[in-house]
């Protein structure tokens, strides 16, 4: 595997409980995050995303696999690089009677961070005017910002954020986006998971998607999206029926809708306008329909009971049986 800031190869983790029995949370998962990236880590609830982050940070013990953080083997050598890593995994917990400032001051003292750094991080996350208030009076979004501030105290080279926009209003989400961009501009590598897929598409340059414990896509965001681009165009004309007939006669794939047509497999939209214009039908609208991260995510992850078989992305495809259906890897590699 290519050297990176985060390297995970063949990660497996199984949980056991009396009620649910044995459950494979992560099944042979790979992840590579290179220096300087803002890397989105996406997956449905229960896909293994948070388990992966917890294993990487030594919060749960992996059953198998290889992990490295900033060149150190995880979790054994994590203490050697912990001062260069900031992380938030799952919901942050704070003492409600402490103020935001006192909370960060204690963390700074415990971590050997200069106390004047507290005011700086409060300013960075937009809590400078609320630092003297008790945390129990903070909204969920404010607590989330306080958690981000705590992760920034050490001026980390690597920042791992699990759902950092949770509880934030639109203005707060925008501020978080600006903060992540500013950190990346200053050389910080960011791994960020979020359910707000439109936001991930705006701020991340690379993405990895996990489903049922396995990687289903990875690569630059633009390349992942391009793999699902069917060169579709929305077409509006006055005579839809006549336009549909002409386009089909020209060999184009057309789907009719009440007030528009969708033409697929047309890299050059002038093919549509020329075909119709030559027959006296003038196009009122010709709009490319490009896939967004949400639509690709839904197609790749499918549903829990009937998962979609993903297309090959970045040279990787799921294990498949002869009939093209994804093999249930079940307990592969897990001791009975």
C-alpha atoms as a PDB file:
ATOM      1  CA  UNK A   1       0.000   0.000   0.000  1.00  0.00           C
ATOM      2  CA  UNK A   2       1.231   3.507  -0.810  1.00  0.00           C
ATOM      3  CA  UNK A   3       2.531   5.442   2.181  1.00  0.00           C
ATOM      4  CA  UNK A   4       0.019   7.927   3.584  1.00  0.00           C
ATOM      5  CA  UNK A   5      -0.999   9.858   6.669  1.00  0.00           C
ATOM      6  CA  UNK A   6      -3.599   7.159   7.388  1.00  0.00           C
ATOM      7  CA  UNK A   7      -3.189   3.616   6.080  1.00  0.00           C
ATOM      8  CA  UNK A   8      -5.670   0.832   6.782  1.00  0.00           C
ATOM      9  CA  UNK A   9      -5.390  -2.528   5.089  1.00  0.00           C
ATOM     10  CA  UNK A  10      -7.572  -5.598   5.621  1.00  0.00           C
ATOM     11  CA  UNK A  11      -9.248  -4.290   8.785  1.00  0.00           C
ATOM     12  CA  UNK A  12     -11.688  -6.708  10.398  1.00  0.00           C
ATOM     13  CA  UNK A  13     -13.745  -6.314  13.549  1.00  0.00           C
ATOM     14  CA  UNK A  14     -16.452  -8.585  14.980  1.00  0.00           C
ATOM     15  CA  UNK A  15     -18.719  -7.845  17.920  1.00  0.00           C
ATOM     16  CA  UNK A  16     -20.369 -10.461  20.125  1.00  0.00           C
ATOM     17  CA  UNK A  17     -23.469  -9.975  22.271  1.00  0.00           C
ATOM     18  CA  UNK A  18     -26.064 -12.197  23.898  1.00  0.00           C
ATOM     19  CA  UNK A  19     -28.935 -10.428  22.141  1.00  0.00           C
ATOM     20  CA  UNK A  20     -27.490 -10.019  18.643  1.00  0.00           C
ATOM     21  CA  UNK A  21     -24.974 -12.847  18.568  1.00  0.00           C
ATOM     22  CA  UNK A  22     -21.899 -12.403  16.400  1.00  0.00           C
ATOM     23  CA  UNK A  23     -21.860  -9.427  14.034  1.00  0.00           C
ATOM     24  CA  UNK A  24     -19.130  -8.499  11.558  1.00  0.00           C
ATOM     25  CA  UNK A  25     -18.819  -4.705  11.711  1.00  0.00           C
ATOM     26  CA  UNK A  26     -15.787  -4.298   9.425  1.00  0.00           C
ATOM     27  CA  UNK A  27     -14.821  -6.942   6.878  1.00  0.00           C
ATOM     28  CA  UNK A  28     -11.470  -6.502   5.120  1.00  0.00           C
ATOM     29  CA  UNK A  29     -11.662  -2.714   4.837  1.00  0.00           C
ATOM     30  CA  UNK A  30      -8.920  -0.603   3.199  1.00  0.00           C
ATOM     31  CA  UNK A  31      -8.403   3.155   3.497  1.00  0.00           C
ATOM     32  CA  UNK A  32      -5.628   5.463   2.347  1.00  0.00           C
ATOM     33  CA  UNK A  33      -5.523   9.156   3.264  1.00  0.00           C
ATOM     34  CA  UNK A  34      -2.570  11.058   1.844  1.00  0.00           C
ATOM     35  CA  UNK A  35      -0.991  14.239   3.216  1.00  0.00           C
ATOM     36  CA  UNK A  36      -2.902  17.435   2.526  1.00  0.00           C
ATOM     37  CA  UNK A  37      -6.172  15.771   1.607  1.00  0.00           C
ATOM     38  CA  UNK A  38      -9.608  16.675   2.908  1.00  0.00           C
ATOM     39  CA  UNK A  39     -10.906  13.119   2.745  1.00  0.00           C
ATOM     40  CA  UNK A  40     -14.591  12.330   3.162  1.00  0.00           C
ATOM     41  CA  UNK A  41     -15.429   9.017   4.866  1.00  0.00           C
ATOM     42  CA  UNK A  42     -19.020   8.034   4.126  1.00  0.00           C
ATOM     43  CA  UNK A  43     -21.296   5.157   5.007  1.00  0.00           C
ATOM     44  CA  UNK A  44     -24.848   4.420   6.155  1.00  0.00           C
ATOM     45  CA  UNK A  45     -25.629   3.871   9.825  1.00  0.00           C
ATOM     46  CA  UNK A  46     -24.197   0.517  10.845  1.00  0.00           C
ATOM     47  CA  UNK A  47     -21.801   0.345   7.897  1.00  0.00           C
ATOM     48  CA  UNK A  48     -18.674   0.143  10.062  1.00  0.00           C
ATOM     49  CA  UNK A  49     -17.584   3.751   9.705  1.00  0.00           C
ATOM     50  CA  UNK A  50     -17.346   4.680  13.382  1.00  0.00           C
ATOM     51  CA  UNK A  51     -15.956   1.245  14.285  1.00  0.00           C
ATOM     52  CA  UNK A  52     -13.150   1.868  11.780  1.00  0.00           C
ATOM     53  CA  UNK A  53     -12.319   5.235  13.349  1.00  0.00           C
ATOM     54  CA  UNK A  54     -12.416   3.790  16.861  1.00  0.00           C
ATOM     55  CA  UNK A  55     -10.102   0.949  15.854  1.00  0.00           C
ATOM     56  CA  UNK A  56      -7.709   3.398  14.202  1.00  0.00           C
ATOM     57  CA  UNK A  57      -7.528   5.452  17.392  1.00  0.00           C
ATOM     58  CA  UNK A  58      -7.124   2.434  19.666  1.00  0.00           C
ATOM     59  CA  UNK A  59     -10.591   2.753  21.228  1.00  0.00           C
ATOM     60  CA  UNK A  60     -11.563  -0.777  20.171  1.00  0.00           C
ATOM     61  CA  UNK A  61      -9.318  -3.735  19.385  1.00  0.00           C
ATOM     62  CA  UNK A  62      -9.343  -4.896  15.771  1.00  0.00           C
ATOM     63  CA  UNK A  63      -9.460  -8.634  15.038  1.00  0.00           C
ATOM     64  CA  UNK A  64      -7.166  -8.405  12.035  1.00  0.00           C
ATOM     65  CA  UNK A  65      -5.563  -5.942   9.649  1.00  0.00           C
ATOM     66  CA  UNK A  66      -2.806  -3.360   9.428  1.00  0.00           C
ATOM     67  CA  UNK A  67      -3.151   0.297  10.436  1.00  0.00           C
ATOM     68  CA  UNK A  68      -0.697   3.197  10.444  1.00  0.00           C
ATOM     69  CA  UNK A  69      -1.144   6.828  11.503  1.00  0.00           C
ATOM     70  CA  UNK A  70       1.543   9.345  10.533  1.00  0.00           C
ATOM     71  CA  UNK A  71       3.899   6.428   9.934  1.00  0.00           C
ATOM     72  CA  UNK A  72       3.278   4.821  13.343  1.00  0.00           C
ATOM     73  CA  UNK A  73       1.707   1.391  13.704  1.00  0.00           C
ATOM     74  CA  UNK A  74      -1.720   1.664  15.296  1.00  0.00           C
ATOM     75  CA  UNK A  75      -2.613   1.198  17.994  1.00  0.00           C
ATOM     76  CA  UNK A  76       0.765   0.114  19.438  1.00  0.00           C
ATOM     77  CA  UNK A  77       2.716   3.252  18.506  1.00  0.00           C
ATOM     78  CA  UNK A  78      -0.092   5.801  18.750  1.00  0.00           C
ATOM     79  CA  UNK A  79       1.442   7.477  21.849  1.00  0.00           C
ATOM     80  CA  UNK A  80       4.402   8.469  19.660  1.00  0.00           C
ATOM     81  CA  UNK A  81       2.189  10.555  17.354  1.00  0.00           C
ATOM     82  CA  UNK A  82      -0.763  11.448  19.586  1.00  0.00           C
ATOM     83  CA  UNK A  83       0.485  15.025  19.943  1.00  0.00           C
ATOM     84  CA  UNK A  84       0.140  15.471  16.175  1.00  0.00           C
ATOM     85  CA  UNK A  85      -3.413  14.124  15.933  1.00  0.00           C
ATOM     86  CA  UNK A  86      -6.709  15.744  16.865  1.00  0.00           C
ATOM     87  CA  UNK A  87      -9.886  13.666  16.801  1.00  0.00           C
ATOM     88  CA  UNK A  88     -13.582  13.701  17.596  1.00  0.00           C
ATOM     89  CA  UNK A  89     -15.356  10.354  17.443  1.00  0.00           C
ATOM     90  CA  UNK A  90     -19.060  10.128  18.271  1.00  0.00           C
ATOM     91  CA  UNK A  91     -20.866  12.615  20.514  1.00  0.00           C
ATOM     92  CA  UNK A  92     -18.587  14.755  22.704  1.00  0.00           C
ATOM     93  CA  UNK A  93     -19.089  14.606  26.478  1.00  0.00           C
ATOM     94  CA  UNK A  94     -18.237  17.499  28.797  1.00  0.00           C
ATOM     95  CA  UNK A  95     -18.796  18.499  32.428  1.00  0.00           C
ATOM     96  CA  UNK A  96     -21.934  20.619  32.304  1.00  0.00           C
ATOM     97  CA  UNK A  97     -20.947  22.908  35.187  1.00  0.00           C
ATOM     98  CA  UNK A  98     -17.638  23.873  33.572  1.00  0.00           C
ATOM     99  CA  UNK A  99     -17.472  26.820  31.232  1.00  0.00           C
ATOM    100  CA  UNK A 100     -16.241  26.300  27.703  1.00  0.00           C
ATOM    101  CA  UNK A 101     -13.056  28.190  28.555  1.00  0.00           C
ATOM    102  CA  UNK A 102     -12.380  26.138  31.700  1.00  0.00           C
ATOM    103  CA  UNK A 103     -12.994  22.904  29.806  1.00  0.00           C
ATOM    104  CA  UNK A 104     -10.419  23.780  27.175  1.00  0.00           C
ATOM    105  CA  UNK A 105      -7.979  25.187  29.734  1.00  0.00           C
ATOM    106  CA  UNK A 106      -7.950  21.894  31.644  1.00  0.00           C
ATOM    107  CA  UNK A 107      -7.436  19.964  28.427  1.00  0.00           C
ATOM    108  CA  UNK A 108      -4.612  22.297  27.453  1.00  0.00           C
ATOM    109  CA  UNK A 109      -2.873  21.874  30.813  1.00  0.00           C
ATOM    110  CA  UNK A 110      -3.274  18.100  30.659  1.00  0.00           C
ATOM    111  CA  UNK A 111      -1.832  17.996  27.166  1.00  0.00           C
ATOM    112  CA  UNK A 112       1.055  20.366  27.748  1.00  0.00           C
ATOM    113  CA  UNK A 113      -0.469  23.002  25.451  1.00  0.00           C
ATOM    114  CA  UNK A 114       0.100  26.728  26.192  1.00  0.00           C
ATOM    115  CA  UNK A 115      -3.029  28.149  27.848  1.00  0.00           C
ATOM    116  CA  UNK A 116      -3.132  31.112  25.457  1.00  0.00           C
ATOM    117  CA  UNK A 117      -4.069  28.583  22.774  1.00  0.00           C
ATOM    118  CA  UNK A 118      -7.539  28.325  24.393  1.00  0.00           C
ATOM    119  CA  UNK A 119      -8.592  31.804  23.294  1.00  0.00           C
ATOM    120  CA  UNK A 120      -7.322  31.094  19.783  1.00  0.00           C
ATOM    121  CA  UNK A 121      -9.353  27.932  19.287  1.00  0.00           C
ATOM    122  CA  UNK A 122     -12.479  29.493  20.775  1.00  0.00           C
ATOM    123  CA  UNK A 123     -12.144  32.217  18.163  1.00  0.00           C
ATOM    124  CA  UNK A 124     -11.542  29.676  15.397  1.00  0.00           C
ATOM    125  CA  UNK A 125     -14.765  27.775  16.098  1.00  0.00           C
ATOM    126  CA  UNK A 126     -16.932  30.839  16.731  1.00  0.00           C
ATOM    127  CA  UNK A 127     -17.273  30.523  20.514  1.00  0.00           C
ATOM    128  CA  UNK A 128     -15.134  33.473  21.583  1.00  0.00           C
ATOM    129  CA  UNK A 129     -18.147  35.316  23.026  1.00  0.00           C
ATOM    130  CA  UNK A 130     -19.590  32.205  24.726  1.00  0.00           C
ATOM    131  CA  UNK A 131     -16.482  30.807  26.400  1.00  0.00           C
ATOM    132  CA  UNK A 132     -17.479  32.064  29.862  1.00  0.00           C
ATOM    133  CA  UNK A 133     -20.848  30.286  29.782  1.00  0.00           C
ATOM    134  CA  UNK A 134     -21.441  26.882  31.350  1.00  0.00           C
ATOM    135  CA  UNK A 135     -21.435  23.983  28.924  1.00  0.00           C
ATOM    136  CA  UNK A 136     -24.790  22.697  30.208  1.00  0.00           C
ATOM    137  CA  UNK A 137     -26.349  25.799  28.672  1.00  0.00           C
ATOM    138  CA  UNK A 138     -24.789  25.142  25.266  1.00  0.00           C
ATOM    139  CA  UNK A 139     -26.865  23.925  22.368  1.00  0.00           C
ATOM    140  CA  UNK A 140     -25.899  20.677  20.643  1.00  0.00           C
ATOM    141  CA  UNK A 141     -24.229  22.674  17.906  1.00  0.00           C
ATOM    142  CA  UNK A 142     -22.201  24.704  20.408  1.00  0.00           C
ATOM    143  CA  UNK A 143     -21.055  21.510  22.124  1.00  0.00           C
ATOM    144  CA  UNK A 144     -19.980  20.218  18.754  1.00  0.00           C
ATOM    145  CA  UNK A 145     -17.920  23.382  18.167  1.00  0.00           C
ATOM    146  CA  UNK A 146     -16.361  22.997  21.609  1.00  0.00           C
ATOM    147  CA  UNK A 147     -15.358  19.460  20.689  1.00  0.00           C
ATOM    148  CA  UNK A 148     -13.725  20.702  17.490  1.00  0.00           C
ATOM    149  CA  UNK A 149     -11.918  23.362  19.534  1.00  0.00           C
ATOM    150  CA  UNK A 150     -10.561  20.665  21.856  1.00  0.00           C
ATOM    151  CA  UNK A 151      -9.261  18.719  18.848  1.00  0.00           C
ATOM    152  CA  UNK A 152      -7.493  21.832  17.541  1.00  0.00           C
ATOM    153  CA  UNK A 153      -5.666  22.679  20.766  1.00  0.00           C
ATOM    154  CA  UNK A 154      -2.504  20.798  19.755  1.00  0.00           C
ATOM    155  CA  UNK A 155      -2.338  22.356  16.278  1.00  0.00           C
ATOM    156  CA  UNK A 156      -2.642  18.849  14.805  1.00  0.00           C
ATOM    157  CA  UNK A 157      -1.133  17.709  11.520  1.00  0.00           C
ATOM    158  CA  UNK A 158      -4.035  15.252  11.194  1.00  0.00           C
ATOM    159  CA  UNK A 159      -7.602  16.043  12.192  1.00  0.00           C
ATOM    160  CA  UNK A 160     -10.228  13.282  12.364  1.00  0.00           C
ATOM    161  CA  UNK A 161     -13.810  14.541  12.611  1.00  0.00           C
ATOM    162  CA  UNK A 162     -16.800  12.224  13.030  1.00  0.00           C
ATOM    163  CA  UNK A 163     -20.000  14.126  12.165  1.00  0.00           C
ATOM    164  CA  UNK A 164     -18.623  17.606  13.012  1.00  0.00           C
ATOM    165  CA  UNK A 165     -21.726  19.354  11.620  1.00  0.00           C
ATOM    166  CA  UNK A 166     -24.100  17.435  13.886  1.00  0.00           C
ATOM    167  CA  UNK A 167     -26.558  19.869  15.452  1.00  0.00           C
ATOM    168  CA  UNK A 168     -25.296  22.906  13.550  1.00  0.00           C
ATOM    169  CA  UNK A 169     -27.644  25.310  11.829  1.00  0.00           C
ATOM    170  CA  UNK A 170     -26.937  26.348   8.201  1.00  0.00           C
ATOM    171  CA  UNK A 171     -24.735  29.241   9.312  1.00  0.00           C
ATOM    172  CA  UNK A 172     -22.790  26.931  11.628  1.00  0.00           C
ATOM    173  CA  UNK A 173     -22.339  24.369   8.872  1.00  0.00           C
ATOM    174  CA  UNK A 174     -20.913  27.062   6.623  1.00  0.00           C
ATOM    175  CA  UNK A 175     -18.542  28.198   9.375  1.00  0.00           C
ATOM    176  CA  UNK A 176     -17.392  24.594   9.875  1.00  0.00           C
ATOM    177  CA  UNK A 177     -16.815  24.292   6.129  1.00  0.00           C
ATOM    178  CA  UNK A 178     -14.727  27.464   6.122  1.00  0.00           C
ATOM    179  CA  UNK A 179     -12.748  26.218   9.125  1.00  0.00           C
ATOM    180  CA  UNK A 180     -11.929  22.893   7.454  1.00  0.00           C
ATOM    181  CA  UNK A 181     -10.869  24.691   4.275  1.00  0.00           C
ATOM    182  CA  UNK A 182      -8.646  27.049   6.256  1.00  0.00           C
ATOM    183  CA  UNK A 183      -7.020  24.146   8.086  1.00  0.00           C
ATOM    184  CA  UNK A 184      -6.387  22.331   4.806  1.00  0.00           C
ATOM    185  CA  UNK A 185      -4.893  25.493   3.318  1.00  0.00           C
ATOM    186  CA  UNK A 186      -2.434  25.508   6.238  1.00  0.00           C
ATOM    187  CA  UNK A 187      -1.345  21.940   5.528  1.00  0.00           C
ATOM    188  CA  UNK A 188      -3.564  20.004   7.930  1.00  0.00           C
ATOM    189  CA  UNK A 189      -4.801  16.648   6.635  1.00  0.00           C
ATOM    190  CA  UNK A 190      -8.482  16.148   7.451  1.00  0.00           C
ATOM    191  CA  UNK A 191     -10.509  12.932   7.549  1.00  0.00           C
ATOM    192  CA  UNK A 192     -14.165  13.837   7.935  1.00  0.00           C
ATOM    193  CA  UNK A 193     -17.280  11.701   8.133  1.00  0.00           C
ATOM    194  CA  UNK A 194     -20.714  13.220   7.725  1.00  0.00           C
ATOM    195  CA  UNK A 195     -24.275  12.421   6.709  1.00  0.00           C
ATOM    196  CA  UNK A 196     -24.522  15.820   5.004  1.00  0.00           C
ATOM    197  CA  UNK A 197     -23.368  14.571   1.625  1.00  0.00           C
ATOM    198  CA  UNK A 198     -23.748  17.884  -0.180  1.00  0.00           C
ATOM    199  CA  UNK A 199     -21.359  19.392   2.345  1.00  0.00           C
ATOM    200  CA  UNK A 200     -18.828  16.598   1.840  1.00  0.00           C
ATOM    201  CA  UNK A 201     -18.973  17.231  -1.896  1.00  0.00           C
ATOM    202  CA  UNK A 202     -18.241  20.915  -1.307  1.00  0.00           C
ATOM    203  CA  UNK A 203     -15.256  20.585   1.013  1.00  0.00           C
ATOM    204  CA  UNK A 204     -13.605  17.219   0.249  1.00  0.00           C
ATOM    205  CA  UNK A 205     -11.202  16.474  -2.583  1.00  0.00           C
ATOM    206  CA  UNK A 206     -11.177  12.699  -1.968  1.00  0.00           C
ATOM    207  CA  UNK A 207     -13.813  10.307  -0.683  1.00  0.00           C
ATOM    208  CA  UNK A 208     -14.086   6.720   0.534  1.00  0.00           C
ATOM    209  CA  UNK A 209     -17.462   5.004   0.871  1.00  0.00           C
ATOM    210  CA  UNK A 210     -18.033   1.986   3.123  1.00  0.00           C
ATOM    211  CA  UNK A 211     -21.077  -0.298   3.086  1.00  0.00           C
ATOM    212  CA  UNK A 212     -21.653  -3.364   5.250  1.00  0.00           C
ATOM    213  CA  UNK A 213     -18.066  -3.195   6.465  1.00  0.00           C
ATOM    214  CA  UNK A 214     -16.484  -3.159   3.001  1.00  0.00           C
ATOM    215  CA  UNK A 215     -15.110  -0.404   0.818  1.00  0.00           C
ATOM    216  CA  UNK A 216     -17.301   0.202  -2.219  1.00  0.00           C
ATOM    217  CA  UNK A 217     -15.613   3.288  -3.686  1.00  0.00           C
ATOM    218  CA  UNK A 218     -12.556   5.454  -3.214  1.00  0.00           C
ATOM    219  CA  UNK A 219     -10.765   8.188  -5.113  1.00  0.00           C
ATOM    220  CA  UNK A 220     -10.958  11.871  -5.990  1.00  0.00           C
ATOM    221  CA  UNK A 221     -14.541  13.087  -5.676  1.00  0.00           C
ATOM    222  CA  UNK A 222     -14.695  14.161  -9.330  1.00  0.00           C
ATOM    223  CA  UNK A 223     -13.504  10.736 -10.509  1.00  0.00           C
ATOM    224  CA  UNK A 224     -15.951   8.840  -8.308  1.00  0.00           C
ATOM    225  CA  UNK A 225     -18.818  10.964  -9.640  1.00  0.00           C
ATOM    226  CA  UNK A 226     -17.664  10.637 -13.249  1.00  0.00           C
ATOM    227  CA  UNK A 227     -17.951   6.866 -12.958  1.00  0.00           C
ATOM    228  CA  UNK A 228     -21.708   7.331 -12.604  1.00  0.00           C
ATOM    229  CA  UNK A 229     -22.152   9.987 -15.288  1.00  0.00           C
ATOM    230  CA  UNK A 230     -24.458   8.591 -17.986  1.00  0.00           C
ATOM    231  CA  UNK A 231     -24.203  11.763 -20.082  1.00  0.00           C
ATOM    232  CA  UNK A 232     -27.861  12.525 -19.463  1.00  0.00           C
ATOM    233  CA  UNK A 233     -29.529  15.765 -20.546  1.00  0.00           C
ATOM    234  CA  UNK A 234     -32.906  17.219 -19.693  1.00  0.00           C
ATOM    235  CA  UNK A 235     -34.709  18.503 -22.780  1.00  0.00           C
ATOM    236  CA  UNK A 236     -37.741  20.792 -22.923  1.00  0.00           C
ATOM    237  CA  UNK A 237     -39.541  21.564 -26.185  1.00  0.00           C
ATOM    238  CA  UNK A 238     -43.093  22.523 -27.160  1.00  0.00           C
ATOM    239  CA  UNK A 239     -43.844  19.219 -28.911  1.00  0.00           C
ATOM    240  CA  UNK A 240     -42.515  16.478 -26.608  1.00  0.00           C
ATOM    241  CA  UNK A 241     -44.042  13.564 -28.518  1.00  0.00           C
ATOM    242  CA  UNK A 242     -42.566  14.641 -31.864  1.00  0.00           C
ATOM    243  CA  UNK A 243     -39.185  15.390 -30.272  1.00  0.00           C
ATOM    244  CA  UNK A 244     -39.095  11.977 -28.587  1.00  0.00           C
ATOM    245  CA  UNK A 245     -39.867  10.266 -31.889  1.00  0.00           C
ATOM    246  CA  UNK A 246     -37.122  12.152 -33.726  1.00  0.00           C
ATOM    247  CA  UNK A 247     -34.511  11.489 -31.068  1.00  0.00           C
ATOM    248  CA  UNK A 248     -35.338   7.777 -30.932  1.00  0.00           C
ATOM    249  CA  UNK A 249     -35.181   7.586 -34.724  1.00  0.00           C
ATOM    250  CA  UNK A 250     -31.714   9.129 -34.510  1.00  0.00           C
ATOM    251  CA  UNK A 251     -30.670   6.234 -32.292  1.00  0.00           C
ATOM    252  CA  UNK A 252     -30.664   8.080 -28.981  1.00  0.00           C
ATOM    253  CA  UNK A 253     -31.934   6.679 -25.666  1.00  0.00           C
ATOM    254  CA  UNK A 254     -34.890   8.777 -24.515  1.00  0.00           C
ATOM    255  CA  UNK A 255     -37.103   8.668 -21.418  1.00  0.00           C
ATOM    256  CA  UNK A 256     -40.342  10.599 -21.643  1.00  0.00           C
ATOM    257  CA  UNK A 257     -41.775  12.628 -18.751  1.00  0.00           C
ATOM    258  CA  UNK A 258     -44.902  14.809 -18.509  1.00  0.00           C
ATOM    259  CA  UNK A 259     -43.071  18.098 -19.122  1.00  0.00           C
ATOM    260  CA  UNK A 260     -39.613  17.084 -20.385  1.00  0.00           C
ATOM    261  CA  UNK A 261     -37.440  14.379 -21.911  1.00  0.00           C
ATOM    262  CA  UNK A 262     -34.244  12.826 -20.585  1.00  0.00           C
ATOM    263  CA  UNK A 263     -31.736  11.809 -23.238  1.00  0.00           C
ATOM    264  CA  UNK A 264     -28.935   9.444 -22.143  1.00  0.00           C
ATOM    265  CA  UNK A 265     -25.546   8.586 -23.567  1.00  0.00           C
ATOM    266  CA  UNK A 266     -24.932  11.903 -25.305  1.00  0.00           C
ATOM    267  CA  UNK A 267     -21.479  13.364 -24.477  1.00  0.00           C
ATOM    268  CA  UNK A 268     -22.075  16.300 -26.848  1.00  0.00           C
ATOM    269  CA  UNK A 269     -25.454  18.017 -26.267  1.00  0.00           C
ATOM    270  CA  UNK A 270     -25.318  19.678 -29.684  1.00  0.00           C
ATOM    271  CA  UNK A 271     -26.350  16.265 -31.033  1.00  0.00           C
ATOM    272  CA  UNK A 272     -29.752  16.808 -29.441  1.00  0.00           C
ATOM    273  CA  UNK A 273     -30.227  20.421 -30.537  1.00  0.00           C
ATOM    274  CA  UNK A 274     -29.049  19.701 -34.074  1.00  0.00           C
ATOM    275  CA  UNK A 275     -31.294  16.638 -34.451  1.00  0.00           C
ATOM    276  CA  UNK A 276     -34.354  18.584 -33.372  1.00  0.00           C
ATOM    277  CA  UNK A 277     -33.456  21.895 -35.021  1.00  0.00           C
ATOM    278  CA  UNK A 278     -33.082  20.278 -38.437  1.00  0.00           C
ATOM    279  CA  UNK A 279     -36.728  19.260 -38.166  1.00  0.00           C
ATOM    280  CA  UNK A 280     -37.934  22.658 -37.019  1.00  0.00           C
ATOM    281  CA  UNK A 281     -38.261  21.837 -33.319  1.00  0.00           C
ATOM    282  CA  UNK A 282     -36.500  24.413 -31.186  1.00  0.00           C
ATOM    283  CA  UNK A 283     -35.105  23.510 -27.820  1.00  0.00           C
ATOM    284  CA  UNK A 284     -36.245  25.666 -24.906  1.00  0.00           C
ATOM    285  CA  UNK A 285     -33.989  23.984 -22.357  1.00  0.00           C
ATOM    286  CA  UNK A 286     -31.047  21.604 -22.625  1.00  0.00           C
ATOM    287  CA  UNK A 287     -29.549  20.936 -19.194  1.00  0.00           C
ATOM    288  CA  UNK A 288     -26.880  18.343 -18.333  1.00  0.00           C
ATOM    289  CA  UNK A 289     -27.884  16.029 -15.471  1.00  0.00           C
ATOM    290  CA  UNK A 290     -24.741  15.291 -13.516  1.00  0.00           C
ATOM    291  CA  UNK A 291     -24.598  12.806 -10.631  1.00  0.00           C
ATOM    292  CA  UNK A 292     -24.066  14.250  -7.177  1.00  0.00           C
ATOM    293  CA  UNK A 293     -22.507  12.532  -4.189  1.00  0.00           C
ATOM    294  CA  UNK A 294     -25.884  11.750  -2.643  1.00  0.00           C
ATOM    295  CA  UNK A 295     -27.159   9.857  -5.693  1.00  0.00           C
ATOM    296  CA  UNK A 296     -23.873   7.952  -6.063  1.00  0.00           C
ATOM    297  CA  UNK A 297     -23.862   7.138  -2.331  1.00  0.00           C
ATOM    298  CA  UNK A 298     -27.393   5.731  -2.494  1.00  0.00           C
ATOM    299  CA  UNK A 299     -26.612   3.663  -5.569  1.00  0.00           C
ATOM    300  CA  UNK A 300     -23.433   2.244  -4.062  1.00  0.00           C
ATOM    301  CA  UNK A 301     -24.781   1.443  -0.622  1.00  0.00           C
ATOM    302  CA  UNK A 302     -28.255   0.249  -1.664  1.00  0.00           C
ATOM    303  CA  UNK A 303     -30.487  -0.900   1.188  1.00  0.00           C
ATOM    304  CA  UNK A 304     -29.714  -3.221   4.110  1.00  0.00           C
ATOM    305  CA  UNK A 305     -31.865  -6.033   2.706  1.00  0.00           C
ATOM    306  CA  UNK A 306     -31.146  -5.637  -1.006  1.00  0.00           C
ATOM    307  CA  UNK A 307     -27.731  -4.002  -1.431  1.00  0.00           C
ATOM    308  CA  UNK A 308     -26.959  -2.670  -4.864  1.00  0.00           C
ATOM    309  CA  UNK A 309     -24.008  -4.215  -6.673  1.00  0.00           C
ATOM    310  CA  UNK A 310     -21.665  -1.213  -7.084  1.00  0.00           C
ATOM    311  CA  UNK A 311     -19.961  -0.366 -10.316  1.00  0.00           C
ATOM    312  CA  UNK A 312     -16.202  -0.654 -10.367  1.00  0.00           C
ATOM    313  CA  UNK A 313     -14.606   2.483  -8.995  1.00  0.00           C
ATOM    314  CA  UNK A 314     -10.874   3.212  -8.804  1.00  0.00           C
ATOM    315  CA  UNK A 315     -10.036  -0.268 -10.076  1.00  0.00           C
ATOM    316  CA  UNK A 316     -11.934  -2.009  -7.281  1.00  0.00           C
ATOM    317  CA  UNK A 317     -15.102  -4.076  -7.398  1.00  0.00           C
ATOM    318  CA  UNK A 318     -16.853  -6.224  -4.787  1.00  0.00           C
ATOM    319  CA  UNK A 319     -16.359  -9.981  -4.727  1.00  0.00           C
ATOM    320  CA  UNK A 320     -19.025 -11.441  -6.948  1.00  0.00           C
ATOM    321  CA  UNK A 321     -20.434 -14.835  -7.724  1.00  0.00           C
ATOM    322  CA  UNK A 322     -20.759 -16.162 -11.245  1.00  0.00           C
ATOM    323  CA  UNK A 323     -24.228 -14.712 -11.665  1.00  0.00           C
ATOM    324  CA  UNK A 324     -22.987 -11.220 -10.854  1.00  0.00           C
ATOM    325  CA  UNK A 325     -24.522 -10.978  -7.379  1.00  0.00           C
ATOM    326  CA  UNK A 326     -22.341  -9.876  -4.489  1.00  0.00           C
ATOM    327  CA  UNK A 327     -21.199 -12.827  -2.394  1.00  0.00           C
ATOM    328  CA  UNK A 328     -22.179 -12.731   1.267  1.00  0.00           C
ATOM    329  CA  UNK A 329     -18.739 -12.704   2.893  1.00  0.00           C
ATOM    330  CA  UNK A 330     -20.418 -13.230   6.257  1.00  0.00           C
ATOM    331  CA  UNK A 331     -17.868 -14.322   8.833  1.00  0.00           C
ATOM    332  CA  UNK A 332     -14.918 -14.647   6.454  1.00  0.00           C
ATOM    333  CA  UNK A 333     -11.695 -14.443   8.393  1.00  0.00           C
ATOM    334  CA  UNK A 334     -13.408 -14.556  11.789  1.00  0.00           C
ATOM    335  CA  UNK A 335     -12.669 -17.393  14.166  1.00  0.00           C
ATOM    336  CA  UNK A 336     -15.632 -19.461  15.249  1.00  0.00           C
END
